[in-house]
Every structure is written in C-alpha cells, then in structure tokens.
C-alpha cells in the first residue's frame, strides 16, 4: 500500500512541474488536511500506509493546487492575526502585511469601527476580538463576500457586535466612527498581468483592481471620511508600496491631516493614518 512519503514525493513533482513555488510545504499541508490531522503531526505518520480514499482525497487537493488555486481556498481557511477565517473565491485571501494595518489600528482605543471593503471580515473581526468593548460595521459591494464575513463573525462569536452592509464604499453608512479602516483594491490595471496566476485566476478582480490607476478607491473613501469620522477620529488605509505619496495627497485634498506612516514587515510603505 502507498505510504504518506510516497504520496508526498509524487505530489512535489507534480506541483513543481506546475510552477508552485513552495511545493514541499504545500504538499505536506494538503496531506495533513486529507488525513484530518494537524500539520505538526504529519512527520509521525508519513511512513504509514494511506487508505485509497485518503489518497484520492489528497490527489484532488494536489490537482487543485497544481491548477494554481490558492491554498487558503483549498483548505477553506486562512490564519490571520492568530485566528482562523473562512476563505472562498468570493473574497480576497488575507495577506500577512494586512496584519500591520490591524496593529496600527490597535495603537489607540476605539469604540466604533467601520471597515470599508470588508471582504472576509478579517480586519473588522480581528479588531473587535482585540477590543472587546467595541462594535463595528463592515461594508462591501459583494453580497457573496458579505455572507462569508457574516459566517466568520458567527464562528468567532462576534455576530452581536458586527454588522455587515451592502454598500458602494461608505455611501450607505451613517457615522460617526472613531476608527475607519480599509484595504481597498489598489493594483493598477496595467499591473494585473504581472501577478501570479494564484491571484489573477482565483481571487475576485473587484478586490484587486479598480480597473484604472489603482487610486480610485482612495479618492472615494478619503473624500467621504470627514462625513463619517467622529472628531479626532482616525482613518487607516493600506496601499501598494509605491503609492504612499499619491494616497497622502488624496487625503490632504479631502481636508484630512496625515498623522502617521507605517511600513510592512519588509520595510515597505504600507499604511497611512489620517485624522479629521
């Protein structure tokens, strides 16, 4: 009978041939998922024979990854700021750099937070988890994304403190909020062909690009921020590593004060903080 080691070897060859960057890691995670065990336990069982059903389940996962479907979609979840979030093709796969936006938001207390373009809800729900007295609203233009966010709220026990609204940016929302956060689509249309197929073929275009210069969301969100922010409130936006000055100029033109710049784990400009 085929062992786990045999399956891993064959999977790594298939994934490497498909251009998957970290084939050994992905193969191990997928086998652990097929076996229904924690990834940390996998080494203990690799020499053991694997049932035909489990091998078939694993091969299905490998075929999905070879088609460049993101791991989070195959597994159905992504770890973000220490919590597990449900992920589907309807939402952006939460990125590690977005945890820096959360960290910036947590630098000061807040009681009511608005997450514009909430997607999976990972930003809003993390902030509410970290600030137990706060309540919040997440808005998105995608009903399917809002359903995922609502499900994540239920899984985290936050449905009583999180409300999700269908809205074109903040148009359907009434303030005031003492904190607004957003990780909007900021990839310019002409940059889309440079992205990996794991992104362009599987994640929603509306969560990646505005179909133009990558700045349209900031023009809308920052222009509306004075209406939505409480006095002394903050708005924190994530952006691409070359967009800091353009986003800063948009915020200043909207009458906001720029009070901080935060870099990501690679030292790249990633978040700007504005206040009313």
C-alpha atoms as a PDB file:
ATOM      1  CA  UNK A   1       0.000   0.000   0.000  1.00  0.00           C
ATOM      2  CA  UNK A   2       1.162   3.548  -0.724  1.00  0.00           C
ATOM      3  CA  UNK A   3       2.675   5.440   2.192  1.00  0.00           C
ATOM      4  CA  UNK A   4       2.443   9.097   3.018  1.00  0.00           C
ATOM      5  CA  UNK A   5       6.055   9.538   1.952  1.00  0.00           C
ATOM      6  CA  UNK A   6       5.231   8.089  -1.474  1.00  0.00           C
ATOM      7  CA  UNK A   7       2.320  10.481  -1.887  1.00  0.00           C
ATOM      8  CA  UNK A   8       4.413  13.479  -0.863  1.00  0.00           C
ATOM      9  CA  UNK A   9       7.167  12.651  -3.350  1.00  0.00           C
ATOM     10  CA  UNK A  10       4.739  12.343  -6.248  1.00  0.00           C
ATOM     11  CA  UNK A  11       2.863  15.497  -5.228  1.00  0.00           C
ATOM     12  CA  UNK A  12       6.030  17.583  -5.026  1.00  0.00           C
ATOM     13  CA  UNK A  13       6.978  16.564  -8.555  1.00  0.00           C
ATOM     14  CA  UNK A  14       3.508  17.472  -9.846  1.00  0.00           C
ATOM     15  CA  UNK A  15       3.411  20.805  -8.043  1.00  0.00           C
ATOM     16  CA  UNK A  16       6.907  21.806  -9.129  1.00  0.00           C
ATOM     17  CA  UNK A  17       6.034  20.985 -12.730  1.00  0.00           C
ATOM     18  CA  UNK A  18       3.039  23.333 -12.356  1.00  0.00           C
ATOM     19  CA  UNK A  19       5.259  26.166 -11.127  1.00  0.00           C
ATOM     20  CA  UNK A  20       4.165  26.108  -7.484  1.00  0.00           C
ATOM     21  CA  UNK A  21       6.823  27.983  -5.546  1.00  0.00           C
ATOM     22  CA  UNK A  22       6.900  26.035  -2.275  1.00  0.00           C
ATOM     23  CA  UNK A  23       5.802  22.618  -3.429  1.00  0.00           C
ATOM     24  CA  UNK A  24       7.104  20.569  -0.450  1.00  0.00           C
ATOM     25  CA  UNK A  25       5.373  22.779   2.117  1.00  0.00           C
ATOM     26  CA  UNK A  26       2.086  22.801   0.219  1.00  0.00           C
ATOM     27  CA  UNK A  27       2.181  19.037  -0.329  1.00  0.00           C
ATOM     28  CA  UNK A  28       2.650  18.424   3.380  1.00  0.00           C
ATOM     29  CA  UNK A  29      -0.167  20.753   4.365  1.00  0.00           C
ATOM     30  CA  UNK A  30      -2.506  19.151   1.861  1.00  0.00           C
ATOM     31  CA  UNK A  31      -1.691  15.642   3.060  1.00  0.00           C
ATOM     32  CA  UNK A  32      -2.335  16.672   6.652  1.00  0.00           C
ATOM     33  CA  UNK A  33      -5.693  18.049   5.552  1.00  0.00           C
ATOM     34  CA  UNK A  34      -6.530  14.844   3.678  1.00  0.00           C
ATOM     35  CA  UNK A  35      -5.610  12.799   6.745  1.00  0.00           C
ATOM     36  CA  UNK A  36      -7.560  15.087   9.062  1.00  0.00           C
ATOM     37  CA  UNK A  37      -4.600  15.726  11.353  1.00  0.00           C
ATOM     38  CA  UNK A  38      -2.607  18.754  12.470  1.00  0.00           C
ATOM     39  CA  UNK A  39       0.317  19.543  10.176  1.00  0.00           C
ATOM     40  CA  UNK A  40       2.692  19.250  13.141  1.00  0.00           C
ATOM     41  CA  UNK A  41       1.804  15.549  13.465  1.00  0.00           C
ATOM     42  CA  UNK A  42       2.430  14.681   9.825  1.00  0.00           C
ATOM     43  CA  UNK A  43       6.054  13.547  10.220  1.00  0.00           C
ATOM     44  CA  UNK A  44       4.938  10.883  12.693  1.00  0.00           C
ATOM     45  CA  UNK A  45       2.589   9.218  10.206  1.00  0.00           C
ATOM     46  CA  UNK A  46       4.405   9.649   6.878  1.00  0.00           C
ATOM     47  CA  UNK A  47       5.809   6.105   6.854  1.00  0.00           C
ATOM     48  CA  UNK A  48       2.343   4.626   7.439  1.00  0.00           C
ATOM     49  CA  UNK A  49       0.167   3.246   4.625  1.00  0.00           C
ATOM     50  CA  UNK A  50      -2.614   5.533   3.412  1.00  0.00           C
ATOM     51  CA  UNK A  51      -6.081   4.302   2.517  1.00  0.00           C
ATOM     52  CA  UNK A  52      -7.311   4.517  -1.058  1.00  0.00           C
ATOM     53  CA  UNK A  53      -9.973   7.056  -0.080  1.00  0.00           C
ATOM     54  CA  UNK A  54      -7.469   9.317   1.667  1.00  0.00           C
ATOM     55  CA  UNK A  55      -5.029   9.054  -1.246  1.00  0.00           C
ATOM     56  CA  UNK A  56      -7.807  10.063  -3.655  1.00  0.00           C
ATOM     57  CA  UNK A  57      -8.802  12.985  -1.435  1.00  0.00           C
ATOM     58  CA  UNK A  58      -5.177  14.114  -1.300  1.00  0.00           C
ATOM     59  CA  UNK A  59      -4.777  13.819  -5.070  1.00  0.00           C
ATOM     60  CA  UNK A  60      -7.836  16.005  -5.546  1.00  0.00           C
ATOM     61  CA  UNK A  61      -6.224  18.679  -3.363  1.00  0.00           C
ATOM     62  CA  UNK A  62      -2.950  18.385  -5.267  1.00  0.00           C
ATOM     63  CA  UNK A  63      -4.731  18.740  -8.606  1.00  0.00           C
ATOM     64  CA  UNK A  64      -6.410  21.921  -7.332  1.00  0.00           C
ATOM     65  CA  UNK A  65      -3.075  23.365  -6.207  1.00  0.00           C
ATOM     66  CA  UNK A  66      -1.435  22.381  -9.500  1.00  0.00           C
ATOM     67  CA  UNK A  67      -4.157  24.453 -11.188  1.00  0.00           C
ATOM     68  CA  UNK A  68      -2.763  27.292  -9.013  1.00  0.00           C
ATOM     69  CA  UNK A  69      -5.781  27.545  -6.759  1.00  0.00           C
ATOM     70  CA  UNK A  70      -4.606  29.268  -3.550  1.00  0.00           C
ATOM     71  CA  UNK A  71      -4.006  27.094  -0.522  1.00  0.00           C
ATOM     72  CA  UNK A  72      -6.485  29.079   1.564  1.00  0.00           C
ATOM     73  CA  UNK A  73      -9.279  28.306  -0.890  1.00  0.00           C
ATOM     74  CA  UNK A  74      -8.430  24.613  -0.987  1.00  0.00           C
ATOM     75  CA  UNK A  75      -8.250  24.367   2.786  1.00  0.00           C
ATOM     76  CA  UNK A  76     -11.184  26.770   3.163  1.00  0.00           C
ATOM     77  CA  UNK A  77      -9.460  28.909   5.772  1.00  0.00           C
ATOM     78  CA  UNK A  78      -6.617  31.325   6.427  1.00  0.00           C
ATOM     79  CA  UNK A  79      -4.895  32.153   9.705  1.00  0.00           C
ATOM     80  CA  UNK A  80      -4.875  35.918  10.281  1.00  0.00           C
ATOM     81  CA  UNK A  81      -3.641  37.603  13.437  1.00  0.00           C
ATOM     82  CA  UNK A  82      -3.821  34.268  15.223  1.00  0.00           C
ATOM     83  CA  UNK A  83      -7.408  33.453  14.237  1.00  0.00           C
ATOM     84  CA  UNK A  84      -8.844  31.193  11.551  1.00  0.00           C
ATOM     85  CA  UNK A  85     -11.041  32.832   8.900  1.00  0.00           C
ATOM     86  CA  UNK A  86     -13.158  31.131   6.287  1.00  0.00           C
ATOM     87  CA  UNK A  87     -11.955  31.968   2.771  1.00  0.00           C
ATOM     88  CA  UNK A  88     -13.698  31.368  -0.569  1.00  0.00           C
ATOM     89  CA  UNK A  89     -13.275  32.545  -4.151  1.00  0.00           C
ATOM     90  CA  UNK A  90     -15.592  35.439  -3.313  1.00  0.00           C
ATOM     91  CA  UNK A  91     -13.097  37.206  -1.038  1.00  0.00           C
ATOM     92  CA  UNK A  92      -9.508  38.356  -1.058  1.00  0.00           C
ATOM     93  CA  UNK A  93      -7.172  35.895   0.630  1.00  0.00           C
ATOM     94  CA  UNK A  94      -5.981  37.773   3.758  1.00  0.00           C
ATOM     95  CA  UNK A  95      -2.318  38.773   3.430  1.00  0.00           C
ATOM     96  CA  UNK A  96       0.237  38.855   6.249  1.00  0.00           C
ATOM     97  CA  UNK A  97       1.037  42.514   5.519  1.00  0.00           C
ATOM     98  CA  UNK A  98      -2.542  43.472   6.351  1.00  0.00           C
ATOM     99  CA  UNK A  99      -1.822  42.472   9.939  1.00  0.00           C
ATOM    100  CA  UNK A 100       0.231  45.683  10.055  1.00  0.00           C
ATOM    101  CA  UNK A 101      -2.960  47.679   9.446  1.00  0.00           C
ATOM    102  CA  UNK A 102      -4.544  45.914  12.419  1.00  0.00           C
ATOM    103  CA  UNK A 103      -1.510  46.658  14.576  1.00  0.00           C
ATOM    104  CA  UNK A 104      -1.677  50.342  13.612  1.00  0.00           C
ATOM    105  CA  UNK A 105      -5.387  50.477  14.442  1.00  0.00           C
ATOM    106  CA  UNK A 106      -4.750  48.966  17.866  1.00  0.00           C
ATOM    107  CA  UNK A 107      -2.259  51.692  18.773  1.00  0.00           C
ATOM    108  CA  UNK A 108      -5.158  53.776  20.146  1.00  0.00           C
ATOM    109  CA  UNK A 109      -8.511  52.794  21.686  1.00  0.00           C
ATOM    110  CA  UNK A 110     -11.749  52.914  19.699  1.00  0.00           C
ATOM    111  CA  UNK A 111     -15.395  52.173  20.354  1.00  0.00           C
ATOM    112  CA  UNK A 112     -16.993  52.125  16.884  1.00  0.00           C
ATOM    113  CA  UNK A 113     -15.134  50.991  13.776  1.00  0.00           C
ATOM    114  CA  UNK A 114     -16.016  50.941  10.080  1.00  0.00           C
ATOM    115  CA  UNK A 115     -14.278  48.527   7.695  1.00  0.00           C
ATOM    116  CA  UNK A 116     -14.733  49.638   4.083  1.00  0.00           C
ATOM    117  CA  UNK A 117     -14.400  46.770   1.587  1.00  0.00           C
ATOM    118  CA  UNK A 118     -14.555  44.176   4.342  1.00  0.00           C
ATOM    119  CA  UNK A 119     -14.221  41.013   2.200  1.00  0.00           C
ATOM    120  CA  UNK A 120     -13.794  38.081   4.582  1.00  0.00           C
ATOM    121  CA  UNK A 121     -14.233  40.448   7.523  1.00  0.00           C
ATOM    122  CA  UNK A 122     -10.775  39.605   8.821  1.00  0.00           C
ATOM    123  CA  UNK A 123      -9.796  43.198   9.656  1.00  0.00           C
ATOM    124  CA  UNK A 124     -13.040  44.201  11.353  1.00  0.00           C
ATOM    125  CA  UNK A 125     -13.464  40.941  13.253  1.00  0.00           C
ATOM    126  CA  UNK A 126      -9.857  40.931  14.429  1.00  0.00           C
ATOM    127  CA  UNK A 127     -10.229  44.479  15.735  1.00  0.00           C
ATOM    128  CA  UNK A 128     -13.446  43.593  17.567  1.00  0.00           C
ATOM    129  CA  UNK A 129     -11.786  40.499  19.035  1.00  0.00           C
ATOM    130  CA  UNK A 130      -8.889  42.595  20.292  1.00  0.00           C
ATOM    131  CA  UNK A 131     -11.136  45.411  21.590  1.00  0.00           C
ATOM    132  CA  UNK A 132     -13.973  43.623  23.433  1.00  0.00           C
ATOM    133  CA  UNK A 133     -15.979  46.788  24.175  1.00  0.00           C
ATOM    134  CA  UNK A 134     -16.082  47.952  20.548  1.00  0.00           C
ATOM    135  CA  UNK A 135     -18.750  47.479  17.890  1.00  0.00           C
ATOM    136  CA  UNK A 136     -18.306  47.752  14.150  1.00  0.00           C
ATOM    137  CA  UNK A 137     -19.710  47.811  10.649  1.00  0.00           C
ATOM    138  CA  UNK A 138     -18.265  46.103   7.601  1.00  0.00           C
ATOM    139  CA  UNK A 139     -19.343  47.160   4.108  1.00  0.00           C
ATOM    140  CA  UNK A 140     -18.765  45.549   0.736  1.00  0.00           C
ATOM    141  CA  UNK A 141     -20.254  45.718  -2.738  1.00  0.00           C
ATOM    142  CA  UNK A 142     -20.313  41.918  -2.998  1.00  0.00           C
ATOM    143  CA  UNK A 143     -23.237  40.065  -1.363  1.00  0.00           C
ATOM    144  CA  UNK A 144     -21.213  36.839  -1.532  1.00  0.00           C
ATOM    145  CA  UNK A 145     -18.325  38.445   0.345  1.00  0.00           C
ATOM    146  CA  UNK A 146     -20.706  39.768   2.997  1.00  0.00           C
ATOM    147  CA  UNK A 147     -22.038  36.242   3.505  1.00  0.00           C
ATOM    148  CA  UNK A 148     -18.506  34.988   4.139  1.00  0.00           C
ATOM    149  CA  UNK A 149     -17.846  37.835   6.580  1.00  0.00           C
ATOM    150  CA  UNK A 150     -21.091  37.159   8.432  1.00  0.00           C
ATOM    151  CA  UNK A 151     -20.186  33.481   8.711  1.00  0.00           C
ATOM    152  CA  UNK A 152     -16.780  34.408  10.122  1.00  0.00           C
ATOM    153  CA  UNK A 153     -18.474  36.663  12.659  1.00  0.00           C
ATOM    154  CA  UNK A 154     -20.633  33.772  13.805  1.00  0.00           C
ATOM    155  CA  UNK A 155     -17.668  31.408  14.020  1.00  0.00           C
ATOM    156  CA  UNK A 156     -15.816  33.918  16.208  1.00  0.00           C
ATOM    157  CA  UNK A 157     -18.860  34.690  18.364  1.00  0.00           C
ATOM    158  CA  UNK A 158     -18.925  38.320  17.234  1.00  0.00           C
ATOM    159  CA  UNK A 159     -22.268  38.492  15.424  1.00  0.00           C
ATOM    160  CA  UNK A 160     -23.769  40.676  18.160  1.00  0.00           C
ATOM    161  CA  UNK A 161     -21.068  43.333  17.743  1.00  0.00           C
ATOM    162  CA  UNK A 162     -20.524  43.245  13.974  1.00  0.00           C
ATOM    163  CA  UNK A 163     -22.977  44.456  11.340  1.00  0.00           C
ATOM    164  CA  UNK A 164     -22.464  43.906   7.622  1.00  0.00           C
ATOM    165  CA  UNK A 165     -23.993  46.192   4.990  1.00  0.00           C
ATOM    166  CA  UNK A 166     -24.080  46.146   1.200  1.00  0.00           C
ATOM    167  CA  UNK A 167     -22.629  49.493   0.172  1.00  0.00           C
ATOM    168  CA  UNK A 168     -20.618  51.235  -2.530  1.00  0.00           C
ATOM    169  CA  UNK A 169     -17.748  52.229  -0.242  1.00  0.00           C
ATOM    170  CA  UNK A 170     -19.272  54.206   2.635  1.00  0.00           C
ATOM    171  CA  UNK A 171     -22.289  55.544   0.756  1.00  0.00           C
ATOM    172  CA  UNK A 172     -24.888  53.511   2.673  1.00  0.00           C
ATOM    173  CA  UNK A 173     -23.330  54.116   6.089  1.00  0.00           C
ATOM    174  CA  UNK A 174     -24.148  56.708   8.733  1.00  0.00           C
ATOM    175  CA  UNK A 175     -21.410  57.781  11.163  1.00  0.00           C
ATOM    176  CA  UNK A 176     -19.806  58.783  13.309  1.00  0.00           C
ATOM    177  CA  UNK A 177     -16.985  56.294  13.718  1.00  0.00           C
ATOM    178  CA  UNK A 178     -13.872  56.920  15.745  1.00  0.00           C
ATOM    179  CA  UNK A 179     -11.942  54.463  13.553  1.00  0.00           C
ATOM    180  CA  UNK A 180     -12.238  53.687   9.843  1.00  0.00           C
ATOM    181  CA  UNK A 181     -10.044  51.043   8.223  1.00  0.00           C
ATOM    182  CA  UNK A 182      -9.760  49.907   4.628  1.00  0.00           C
ATOM    183  CA  UNK A 183      -7.649  47.642   2.465  1.00  0.00           C
ATOM    184  CA  UNK A 184      -9.226  48.538  -0.883  1.00  0.00           C
ATOM    185  CA  UNK A 185      -8.297  47.336  -4.394  1.00  0.00           C
ATOM    186  CA  UNK A 186      -5.090  49.206  -5.245  1.00  0.00           C
ATOM    187  CA  UNK A 187      -3.494  47.299  -8.127  1.00  0.00           C
ATOM    188  CA  UNK A 188      -3.461  49.323 -11.338  1.00  0.00           C
ATOM    189  CA  UNK A 189      -4.982  47.620 -14.367  1.00  0.00           C
ATOM    190  CA  UNK A 190      -1.668  47.582 -16.230  1.00  0.00           C
ATOM    191  CA  UNK A 191      -0.041  45.777 -13.269  1.00  0.00           C
ATOM    192  CA  UNK A 192      -2.524  42.897 -13.250  1.00  0.00           C
ATOM    193  CA  UNK A 193      -0.631  40.792 -15.838  1.00  0.00           C
ATOM    194  CA  UNK A 194       2.418  40.792 -13.552  1.00  0.00           C
ATOM    195  CA  UNK A 195       0.580  38.986 -10.741  1.00  0.00           C
ATOM    196  CA  UNK A 196       0.841  35.253 -10.147  1.00  0.00           C
ATOM    197  CA  UNK A 197      -1.929  33.036 -11.571  1.00  0.00           C
ATOM    198  CA  UNK A 198      -2.744  32.036  -7.983  1.00  0.00           C
ATOM    199  CA  UNK A 199      -4.101  35.581  -7.660  1.00  0.00           C
ATOM    200  CA  UNK A 200      -5.472  36.582 -11.048  1.00  0.00           C
ATOM    201  CA  UNK A 201      -7.231  33.304 -11.870  1.00  0.00           C
ATOM    202  CA  UNK A 202      -8.775  32.688  -8.465  1.00  0.00           C
ATOM    203  CA  UNK A 203      -9.353  35.876  -6.467  1.00  0.00           C
ATOM    204  CA  UNK A 204     -12.124  38.378  -7.303  1.00  0.00           C
ATOM    205  CA  UNK A 205     -10.991  41.149  -9.649  1.00  0.00           C
ATOM    206  CA  UNK A 206     -13.061  43.716  -7.747  1.00  0.00           C
ATOM    207  CA  UNK A 207     -10.968  43.063  -4.644  1.00  0.00           C
ATOM    208  CA  UNK A 208      -7.701  43.515  -6.556  1.00  0.00           C
ATOM    209  CA  UNK A 209      -8.049  46.382  -9.023  1.00  0.00           C
ATOM    210  CA  UNK A 210     -10.218  49.400  -9.761  1.00  0.00           C
ATOM    211  CA  UNK A 211      -9.706  48.837 -13.488  1.00  0.00           C
ATOM    212  CA  UNK A 212      -7.718  52.078 -13.693  1.00  0.00           C
ATOM    213  CA  UNK A 213      -4.763  53.644 -11.894  1.00  0.00           C
ATOM    214  CA  UNK A 214      -5.284  51.835  -8.581  1.00  0.00           C
ATOM    215  CA  UNK A 215      -6.231  55.020  -6.710  1.00  0.00           C
ATOM    216  CA  UNK A 216      -9.981  55.298  -7.345  1.00  0.00           C
ATOM    217  CA  UNK A 217     -10.906  53.723  -4.007  1.00  0.00           C
ATOM    218  CA  UNK A 218      -8.824  56.228  -2.071  1.00  0.00           C
ATOM    219  CA  UNK A 219     -10.455  59.133  -3.887  1.00  0.00           C
ATOM    220  CA  UNK A 220     -13.894  57.864  -2.850  1.00  0.00           C
ATOM    221  CA  UNK A 221     -13.069  56.685   0.682  1.00  0.00           C
ATOM    222  CA  UNK A 222     -10.961  59.648   1.784  1.00  0.00           C
ATOM    223  CA  UNK A 223     -13.337  62.217   0.288  1.00  0.00           C
ATOM    224  CA  UNK A 224     -16.181  60.691   2.333  1.00  0.00           C
ATOM    225  CA  UNK A 225     -14.151  60.286   5.517  1.00  0.00           C
ATOM    226  CA  UNK A 226     -14.917  63.750   7.005  1.00  0.00           C
ATOM    227  CA  UNK A 227     -18.635  62.869   6.896  1.00  0.00           C
ATOM    228  CA  UNK A 228     -18.112  59.550   8.651  1.00  0.00           C
ATOM    229  CA  UNK A 229     -15.382  60.307  11.176  1.00  0.00           C
ATOM    230  CA  UNK A 230     -16.025  61.467  14.716  1.00  0.00           C
ATOM    231  CA  UNK A 231     -13.966  64.439  15.936  1.00  0.00           C
ATOM    232  CA  UNK A 232     -10.380  63.251  16.497  1.00  0.00           C
ATOM    233  CA  UNK A 233     -11.264  60.018  14.700  1.00  0.00           C
ATOM    234  CA  UNK A 234      -8.728  58.096  12.633  1.00  0.00           C
ATOM    235  CA  UNK A 235      -8.832  56.517   9.194  1.00  0.00           C
ATOM    236  CA  UNK A 236      -6.142  53.991   8.269  1.00  0.00           C
ATOM    237  CA  UNK A 237      -5.714  52.721   4.717  1.00  0.00           C
ATOM    238  CA  UNK A 238      -3.470  50.077   3.234  1.00  0.00           C
ATOM    239  CA  UNK A 239      -1.918  50.689  -0.198  1.00  0.00           C
ATOM    240  CA  UNK A 240       0.714  49.383  -2.582  1.00  0.00           C
ATOM    241  CA  UNK A 241       4.383  50.060  -1.753  1.00  0.00           C
ATOM    242  CA  UNK A 242       4.770  52.817  -4.378  1.00  0.00           C
ATOM    243  CA  UNK A 243       1.529  54.663  -3.645  1.00  0.00           C
ATOM    244  CA  UNK A 244       2.225  56.455  -0.340  1.00  0.00           C
ATOM    245  CA  UNK A 245       2.665  59.950  -1.725  1.00  0.00           C
ATOM    246  CA  UNK A 246      -0.320  59.707  -4.065  1.00  0.00           C
ATOM    247  CA  UNK A 247      -2.592  58.463  -1.264  1.00  0.00           C
ATOM    248  CA  UNK A 248      -1.268  61.106   1.118  1.00  0.00           C
ATOM    249  CA  UNK A 249      -2.078  63.837  -1.439  1.00  0.00           C
ATOM    250  CA  UNK A 250      -5.614  62.499  -1.877  1.00  0.00           C
ATOM    251  CA  UNK A 251      -6.180  62.561   1.876  1.00  0.00           C
ATOM    252  CA  UNK A 252      -4.844  66.085   2.277  1.00  0.00           C
ATOM    253  CA  UNK A 253      -7.018  67.289  -0.601  1.00  0.00           C
ATOM    254  CA  UNK A 254     -10.026  65.840   1.241  1.00  0.00           C
ATOM    255  CA  UNK A 255      -9.237  68.017   4.243  1.00  0.00           C
ATOM    256  CA  UNK A 256      -7.696  65.289   6.377  1.00  0.00           C
ATOM    257  CA  UNK A 257      -4.468  65.515   8.396  1.00  0.00           C
ATOM    258  CA  UNK A 258      -1.866  62.822   7.810  1.00  0.00           C
ATOM    259  CA  UNK A 259      -0.653  61.703  11.223  1.00  0.00           C
ATOM    260  CA  UNK A 260       1.397  58.606  10.501  1.00  0.00           C
ATOM    261  CA  UNK A 261       3.003  56.209   8.048  1.00  0.00           C
ATOM    262  CA  UNK A 262       3.502  52.535   8.834  1.00  0.00           C
ATOM    263  CA  UNK A 263       5.710  50.081   6.989  1.00  0.00           C
ATOM    264  CA  UNK A 264       5.129  46.365   6.456  1.00  0.00           C
ATOM    265  CA  UNK A 265       7.366  43.532   7.636  1.00  0.00           C
ATOM    266  CA  UNK A 266       9.585  44.005   4.572  1.00  0.00           C
ATOM    267  CA  UNK A 267      10.134  47.684   5.312  1.00  0.00           C
ATOM    268  CA  UNK A 268       7.871  48.942   2.526  1.00  0.00           C
ATOM    269  CA  UNK A 269       5.429  51.831   2.958  1.00  0.00           C
ATOM    270  CA  UNK A 270       2.068  50.144   3.551  1.00  0.00           C
ATOM    271  CA  UNK A 271      -0.385  52.167   5.711  1.00  0.00           C
ATOM    272  CA  UNK A 272      -1.219  55.830   6.166  1.00  0.00           C
ATOM    273  CA  UNK A 273      -3.093  57.213   9.146  1.00  0.00           C
ATOM    274  CA  UNK A 274      -5.282  60.290   8.717  1.00  0.00           C
ATOM    275  CA  UNK A 275      -7.387  62.194  11.220  1.00  0.00           C
ATOM    276  CA  UNK A 276     -10.310  64.568  10.912  1.00  0.00           C
END
